[in-house]
Amino acid sequence: MSKHVKSTLVKIFAALALAFACVAVAQTFSTTSTNQTVQAARRKLSKREKAAKHWIAMRESGGSYTARNGSCYGRYQLSIGYLHGNLSPKNQERVADNYVYGRYGSWVNAKRFWLAHNWY
């Protein structure tokens, strides 16, 4: 086998290995995101969590699912890009829960941050 053929085979093998690694990483991130979404959907909120969530909704939009403020939309004034074109109340609730639990760990913590910064 010539050096040129060996070099080409090594390059092809390296490219395949890199492609496989990229797919594996993408699947890991996708699975993690899906698991977080499923966990948020199954989460039962305590009275304190519900109260903090309602408090934030009232401060952000007066409770309206159609409120607009620049690039923010809905009951929780989420960046419209987070909603991926689905402006339904159900999606707003799901996305808000995912955002808050991912960033703050709880609605109570999000409210605490809001009180300190006037945003969450």
N, C-alpha and C. Protein backbone atom coordinates (compact mmCIF):
# COMPACT_ATOMS: atom_id res chain seq x y z
N MET A 1 0.85 -1.17 0.00
CA MET A 1 0.00 0.00 0.00
C MET A 1 0.89 1.23 0.00
N SER A 2 0.57 2.19 -0.84
CA SER A 2 1.41 3.38 -0.95
C SER A 2 1.15 4.33 0.21
N LYS A 3 2.08 5.25 0.42
CA LYS A 3 1.93 6.25 1.48
C LYS A 3 0.69 7.10 1.25
N HIS A 4 0.43 7.41 -0.01
CA HIS A 4 -0.72 8.25 -0.33
C HIS A 4 -2.04 7.56 0.06
N VAL A 5 -2.16 6.30 -0.21
CA VAL A 5 -3.37 5.54 0.13
C VAL A 5 -3.51 5.45 1.64
N LYS A 6 -2.41 5.15 2.34
CA LYS A 6 -2.44 5.07 3.81
C LYS A 6 -2.86 6.42 4.40
N SER A 7 -2.30 7.51 3.89
CA SER A 7 -2.62 8.84 4.37
C SER A 7 -4.10 9.15 4.16
N THR A 8 -4.61 8.79 3.02
CA THR A 8 -6.03 9.01 2.72
C THR A 8 -6.91 8.20 3.66
N LEU A 9 -6.55 6.93 3.89
CA LEU A 9 -7.33 6.09 4.80
C LEU A 9 -7.32 6.64 6.23
N VAL A 10 -6.17 7.12 6.67
CA VAL A 10 -6.07 7.70 8.02
C VAL A 10 -6.97 8.93 8.12
N LYS A 11 -6.96 9.76 7.09
CA LYS A 11 -7.80 10.95 7.09
C LYS A 11 -9.28 10.59 7.11
N ILE A 12 -9.66 9.59 6.33
CA ILE A 12 -11.06 9.16 6.31
C ILE A 12 -11.47 8.61 7.68
N PHE A 13 -10.60 7.80 8.26
CA PHE A 13 -10.89 7.23 9.59
C PHE A 13 -11.03 8.35 10.63
N ALA A 14 -10.13 9.32 10.59
CA ALA A 14 -10.19 10.44 11.54
C ALA A 14 -11.48 11.24 11.35
N ALA A 15 -11.87 11.47 10.10
CA ALA A 15 -13.10 12.22 9.83
C ALA A 15 -14.32 11.46 10.35
N LEU A 16 -14.35 10.15 10.15
CA LEU A 16 -15.46 9.34 10.65
C LEU A 16 -15.51 9.35 12.18
N ALA A 17 -14.35 9.25 12.81
CA ALA A 17 -14.29 9.27 14.27
C ALA A 17 -14.79 10.62 14.80
N LEU A 18 -14.40 11.70 14.16
CA LEU A 18 -14.84 13.03 14.58
C LEU A 18 -16.35 13.18 14.38
N ALA A 19 -16.86 12.70 13.26
CA ALA A 19 -18.29 12.78 13.00
C ALA A 19 -19.06 11.97 14.05
N PHE A 20 -18.59 10.78 14.38
CA PHE A 20 -19.23 9.95 15.40
C PHE A 20 -19.24 10.66 16.75
N ALA A 21 -18.12 11.28 17.12
CA ALA A 21 -18.03 11.99 18.39
C ALA A 21 -19.02 13.15 18.42
N CYS A 22 -19.15 13.88 17.32
CA CYS A 22 -20.10 15.01 17.26
C CYS A 22 -21.54 14.52 17.43
N VAL A 23 -21.88 13.42 16.79
CA VAL A 23 -23.23 12.87 16.93
C VAL A 23 -23.48 12.45 18.37
N ALA A 24 -22.50 11.81 19.00
CA ALA A 24 -22.66 11.38 20.38
C ALA A 24 -22.88 12.56 21.32
N VAL A 25 -22.13 13.64 21.13
CA VAL A 25 -22.29 14.83 21.96
C VAL A 25 -23.66 15.46 21.73
N ALA A 26 -24.09 15.56 20.48
CA ALA A 26 -25.40 16.14 20.16
C ALA A 26 -26.52 15.32 20.79
N GLN A 27 -26.41 14.00 20.76
CA GLN A 27 -27.43 13.15 21.37
C GLN A 27 -27.47 13.33 22.88
N THR A 28 -26.32 13.50 23.49
CA THR A 28 -26.25 13.71 24.94
C THR A 28 -26.97 15.00 25.31
N PHE A 29 -26.70 16.09 24.59
CA PHE A 29 -27.36 17.36 24.88
C PHE A 29 -28.86 17.26 24.63
N SER A 30 -29.26 16.59 23.57
CA SER A 30 -30.67 16.44 23.25
C SER A 30 -31.38 15.64 24.33
N THR A 31 -30.77 14.56 24.80
CA THR A 31 -31.36 13.73 25.84
C THR A 31 -31.49 14.51 27.14
N THR A 32 -30.46 15.29 27.50
CA THR A 32 -30.50 16.09 28.71
C THR A 32 -31.63 17.10 28.65
N SER A 33 -31.76 17.79 27.52
CA SER A 33 -32.81 18.78 27.35
C SER A 33 -34.19 18.13 27.43
N THR A 34 -34.36 16.99 26.78
CA THR A 34 -35.63 16.28 26.81
C THR A 34 -35.96 15.84 28.23
N ASN A 35 -34.97 15.32 28.95
CA ASN A 35 -35.20 14.89 30.33
C ASN A 35 -35.62 16.06 31.20
N GLN A 36 -34.98 17.22 31.03
CA GLN A 36 -35.34 18.40 31.82
C GLN A 36 -36.77 18.84 31.51
N THR A 37 -37.15 18.77 30.23
CA THR A 37 -38.50 19.15 29.83
C THR A 37 -39.53 18.20 30.45
N VAL A 38 -39.25 16.91 30.40
CA VAL A 38 -40.16 15.92 30.99
C VAL A 38 -40.25 16.13 32.49
N GLN A 39 -39.13 16.37 33.16
CA GLN A 39 -39.14 16.60 34.60
C GLN A 39 -39.95 17.84 34.94
N ALA A 40 -39.79 18.91 34.17
CA ALA A 40 -40.55 20.14 34.43
C ALA A 40 -42.05 19.89 34.24
N ALA A 41 -42.41 19.12 33.25
CA ALA A 41 -43.82 18.85 32.99
C ALA A 41 -44.45 18.02 34.12
N ARG A 42 -43.66 17.17 34.75
CA ARG A 42 -44.16 16.31 35.83
C ARG A 42 -44.07 16.96 37.20
N ARG A 43 -43.40 18.08 37.29
CA ARG A 43 -43.17 18.73 38.57
C ARG A 43 -44.47 19.24 39.16
N LYS A 44 -44.72 18.89 40.39
CA LYS A 44 -45.89 19.38 41.12
C LYS A 44 -45.41 20.53 41.99
N LEU A 45 -45.98 21.71 41.77
CA LEU A 45 -45.52 22.89 42.48
C LEU A 45 -46.15 22.97 43.87
N SER A 46 -45.32 23.33 44.84
CA SER A 46 -45.82 23.57 46.19
C SER A 46 -46.60 24.88 46.21
N LYS A 47 -47.29 25.15 47.31
CA LYS A 47 -48.03 26.41 47.43
C LYS A 47 -47.10 27.61 47.31
N ARG A 48 -45.91 27.52 47.90
CA ARG A 48 -44.93 28.62 47.80
C ARG A 48 -44.48 28.83 46.37
N GLU A 49 -44.23 27.73 45.65
CA GLU A 49 -43.80 27.82 44.26
C GLU A 49 -44.91 28.43 43.40
N LYS A 50 -46.14 27.97 43.59
CA LYS A 50 -47.27 28.52 42.84
C LYS A 50 -47.43 30.01 43.11
N ALA A 51 -47.30 30.39 44.38
CA ALA A 51 -47.46 31.80 44.74
C ALA A 51 -46.36 32.65 44.11
N ALA A 52 -45.11 32.16 44.12
CA ALA A 52 -44.01 32.91 43.52
C ALA A 52 -44.19 33.01 42.00
N LYS A 53 -44.64 31.93 41.38
CA LYS A 53 -44.87 31.92 39.93
C LYS A 53 -45.96 32.92 39.57
N HIS A 54 -47.05 32.92 40.33
CA HIS A 54 -48.14 33.86 40.09
C HIS A 54 -47.67 35.30 40.30
N TRP A 55 -46.89 35.53 41.34
CA TRP A 55 -46.37 36.86 41.64
C TRP A 55 -45.55 37.39 40.47
N ILE A 56 -44.67 36.55 39.92
CA ILE A 56 -43.84 36.96 38.78
C ILE A 56 -44.72 37.24 37.57
N ALA A 57 -45.69 36.38 37.30
CA ALA A 57 -46.59 36.59 36.15
C ALA A 57 -47.32 37.92 36.26
N MET A 58 -47.76 38.25 37.45
CA MET A 58 -48.49 39.51 37.63
C MET A 58 -47.56 40.71 37.44
N ARG A 59 -46.33 40.62 37.88
CA ARG A 59 -45.38 41.73 37.70
C ARG A 59 -44.95 41.87 36.25
N GLU A 60 -44.79 40.75 35.57
CA GLU A 60 -44.28 40.77 34.19
C GLU A 60 -45.35 41.17 33.17
N SER A 61 -46.60 40.69 33.35
CA SER A 61 -47.60 40.89 32.30
C SER A 61 -48.99 41.19 32.81
N GLY A 62 -49.13 41.32 34.11
CA GLY A 62 -50.48 41.44 34.66
C GLY A 62 -51.26 40.14 34.50
N GLY A 63 -50.54 39.06 34.23
CA GLY A 63 -51.16 37.74 34.08
C GLY A 63 -51.62 37.43 32.66
N SER A 64 -51.35 38.31 31.71
CA SER A 64 -51.82 38.13 30.33
C SER A 64 -50.88 37.25 29.51
N TYR A 65 -51.48 36.27 28.82
CA TYR A 65 -50.69 35.40 27.93
C TYR A 65 -50.37 36.08 26.60
N THR A 66 -50.94 37.24 26.35
CA THR A 66 -50.70 37.93 25.07
C THR A 66 -49.95 39.25 25.25
N ALA A 67 -49.45 39.53 26.42
CA ALA A 67 -48.71 40.78 26.66
C ALA A 67 -47.43 40.80 25.82
N ARG A 68 -47.09 41.98 25.33
CA ARG A 68 -45.86 42.17 24.54
C ARG A 68 -45.06 43.32 25.11
N ASN A 69 -43.74 43.16 25.05
CA ASN A 69 -42.83 44.22 25.45
C ASN A 69 -41.54 44.00 24.66
N GLY A 70 -41.41 44.68 23.55
CA GLY A 70 -40.23 44.49 22.70
C GLY A 70 -40.18 43.06 22.20
N SER A 71 -39.08 42.37 22.46
CA SER A 71 -38.92 40.99 22.00
C SER A 71 -39.40 39.97 23.03
N CYS A 72 -40.08 40.44 24.07
CA CYS A 72 -40.61 39.55 25.10
C CYS A 72 -42.11 39.40 24.91
N TYR A 73 -42.62 38.22 25.25
CA TYR A 73 -44.01 37.92 24.98
C TYR A 73 -44.61 37.07 26.10
N GLY A 74 -45.87 37.31 26.37
CA GLY A 74 -46.67 36.41 27.18
C GLY A 74 -46.67 36.68 28.66
N ARG A 75 -47.26 35.75 29.36
CA ARG A 75 -47.49 35.84 30.80
C ARG A 75 -46.20 36.03 31.58
N TYR A 76 -45.11 35.40 31.15
CA TYR A 76 -43.84 35.48 31.88
C TYR A 76 -42.81 36.34 31.17
N GLN A 77 -43.24 37.03 30.11
CA GLN A 77 -42.38 37.91 29.32
C GLN A 77 -41.08 37.23 28.94
N LEU A 78 -41.24 36.08 28.31
CA LEU A 78 -40.09 35.31 27.83
C LEU A 78 -39.63 35.88 26.49
N SER A 79 -38.34 35.76 26.23
CA SER A 79 -37.85 36.11 24.90
C SER A 79 -38.63 35.26 23.90
N ILE A 80 -39.19 35.89 22.89
CA ILE A 80 -40.07 35.18 21.96
C ILE A 80 -39.37 34.00 21.29
N GLY A 81 -38.05 34.06 21.17
CA GLY A 81 -37.30 32.94 20.59
C GLY A 81 -37.39 31.67 21.42
N TYR A 82 -37.56 31.81 22.73
CA TYR A 82 -37.67 30.64 23.60
C TYR A 82 -38.94 29.83 23.29
N LEU A 83 -39.96 30.50 22.77
CA LEU A 83 -41.25 29.85 22.53
C LEU A 83 -41.31 29.12 21.20
N HIS A 84 -40.32 29.30 20.35
CA HIS A 84 -40.20 28.59 19.06
C HIS A 84 -41.49 28.65 18.24
N GLY A 85 -42.13 29.82 18.23
CA GLY A 85 -43.31 30.00 17.40
C GLY A 85 -44.61 29.50 18.01
N ASN A 86 -44.55 28.83 19.14
CA ASN A 86 -45.75 28.32 19.80
C ASN A 86 -46.09 29.24 20.97
N LEU A 87 -47.04 30.14 20.76
CA LEU A 87 -47.39 31.14 21.77
C LEU A 87 -48.51 30.70 22.70
N SER A 88 -48.89 29.44 22.64
CA SER A 88 -50.00 28.94 23.45
C SER A 88 -49.69 29.06 24.95
N PRO A 89 -50.74 29.22 25.74
CA PRO A 89 -50.53 29.25 27.20
C PRO A 89 -49.82 28.00 27.73
N LYS A 90 -50.17 26.84 27.20
CA LYS A 90 -49.53 25.60 27.65
C LYS A 90 -48.02 25.64 27.40
N ASN A 91 -47.63 26.08 26.22
CA ASN A 91 -46.21 26.17 25.90
C ASN A 91 -45.52 27.24 26.75
N GLN A 92 -46.18 28.36 26.98
CA GLN A 92 -45.60 29.41 27.83
C GLN A 92 -45.35 28.88 29.23
N GLU A 93 -46.28 28.12 29.76
CA GLU A 93 -46.11 27.55 31.10
C GLU A 93 -44.92 26.58 31.12
N ARG A 94 -44.86 25.71 30.12
CA ARG A 94 -43.78 24.72 30.05
C ARG A 94 -42.42 25.39 29.91
N VAL A 95 -42.33 26.35 28.99
CA VAL A 95 -41.06 27.03 28.74
C VAL A 95 -40.64 27.86 29.96
N ALA A 96 -41.59 28.52 30.60
CA ALA A 96 -41.28 29.31 31.79
C ALA A 96 -40.75 28.41 32.90
N ASP A 97 -41.40 27.27 33.11
CA ASP A 97 -40.92 26.34 34.13
C ASP A 97 -39.50 25.85 33.81
N ASN A 98 -39.27 25.49 32.55
CA ASN A 98 -37.93 25.03 32.16
C ASN A 98 -36.90 26.13 32.38
N TYR A 99 -37.23 27.34 31.98
CA TYR A 99 -36.32 28.47 32.15
C TYR A 99 -36.00 28.71 33.62
N VAL A 100 -37.04 28.81 34.42
CA VAL A 100 -36.85 29.13 35.85
C VAL A 100 -36.10 28.02 36.57
N TYR A 101 -36.49 26.77 36.35
CA TYR A 101 -35.82 25.67 37.05
C TYR A 101 -34.39 25.49 36.54
N GLY A 102 -34.16 25.77 35.28
CA GLY A 102 -32.80 25.69 34.76
C GLY A 102 -31.90 26.81 35.25
N ARG A 103 -32.44 28.00 35.38
CA ARG A 103 -31.63 29.16 35.77
C ARG A 103 -31.57 29.39 37.27
N TYR A 104 -32.71 29.23 37.96
CA TYR A 104 -32.78 29.58 39.39
C TYR A 104 -33.00 28.39 40.32
N GLY A 105 -33.47 27.28 39.78
CA GLY A 105 -33.73 26.11 40.61
C GLY A 105 -35.13 26.06 41.18
N SER A 106 -35.81 27.21 41.25
CA SER A 106 -37.18 27.25 41.76
C SER A 106 -37.79 28.60 41.45
N TRP A 107 -39.12 28.64 41.50
CA TRP A 107 -39.82 29.91 41.33
C TRP A 107 -39.56 30.83 42.51
N VAL A 108 -39.41 30.26 43.69
CA VAL A 108 -39.11 31.07 44.88
C VAL A 108 -37.78 31.79 44.69
N ASN A 109 -36.77 31.09 44.19
CA ASN A 109 -35.47 31.72 43.94
C ASN A 109 -35.57 32.76 42.83
N ALA A 110 -36.39 32.49 41.82
CA ALA A 110 -36.58 33.46 40.73
C ALA A 110 -37.23 34.73 41.27
N LYS A 111 -38.20 34.58 42.17
CA LYS A 111 -38.84 35.76 42.77
C LYS A 111 -37.83 36.54 43.60
N ARG A 112 -37.01 35.83 44.34
CA ARG A 112 -35.97 36.49 45.15
C ARG A 112 -35.04 37.31 44.24
N PHE A 113 -34.64 36.74 43.11
CA PHE A 113 -33.80 37.45 42.15
C PHE A 113 -34.55 38.66 41.59
N TRP A 114 -35.82 38.46 41.24
CA TRP A 114 -36.63 39.55 40.69
C TRP A 114 -36.70 40.72 41.67
N LEU A 115 -36.89 40.42 42.95
CA LEU A 115 -36.98 41.48 43.96
C LEU A 115 -35.67 42.28 44.06
N ALA A 116 -34.56 41.61 43.85
CA ALA A 116 -33.26 42.28 43.93
C ALA A 116 -32.91 43.06 42.66
N HIS A 117 -33.45 42.61 41.49
CA HIS A 117 -33.01 43.17 40.21
C HIS A 117 -34.13 43.74 39.35
N ASN A 118 -35.37 43.55 39.76
CA ASN A 118 -36.55 43.97 38.99
C ASN A 118 -36.66 43.27 37.64
N TRP A 119 -36.14 42.11 37.52
CA TRP A 119 -36.29 41.25 36.35
C TRP A 119 -35.84 39.85 36.79
N TYR A 120 -36.14 38.88 35.98
CA TYR A 120 -35.68 37.51 36.28
C TYR A 120 -35.19 36.83 35.04
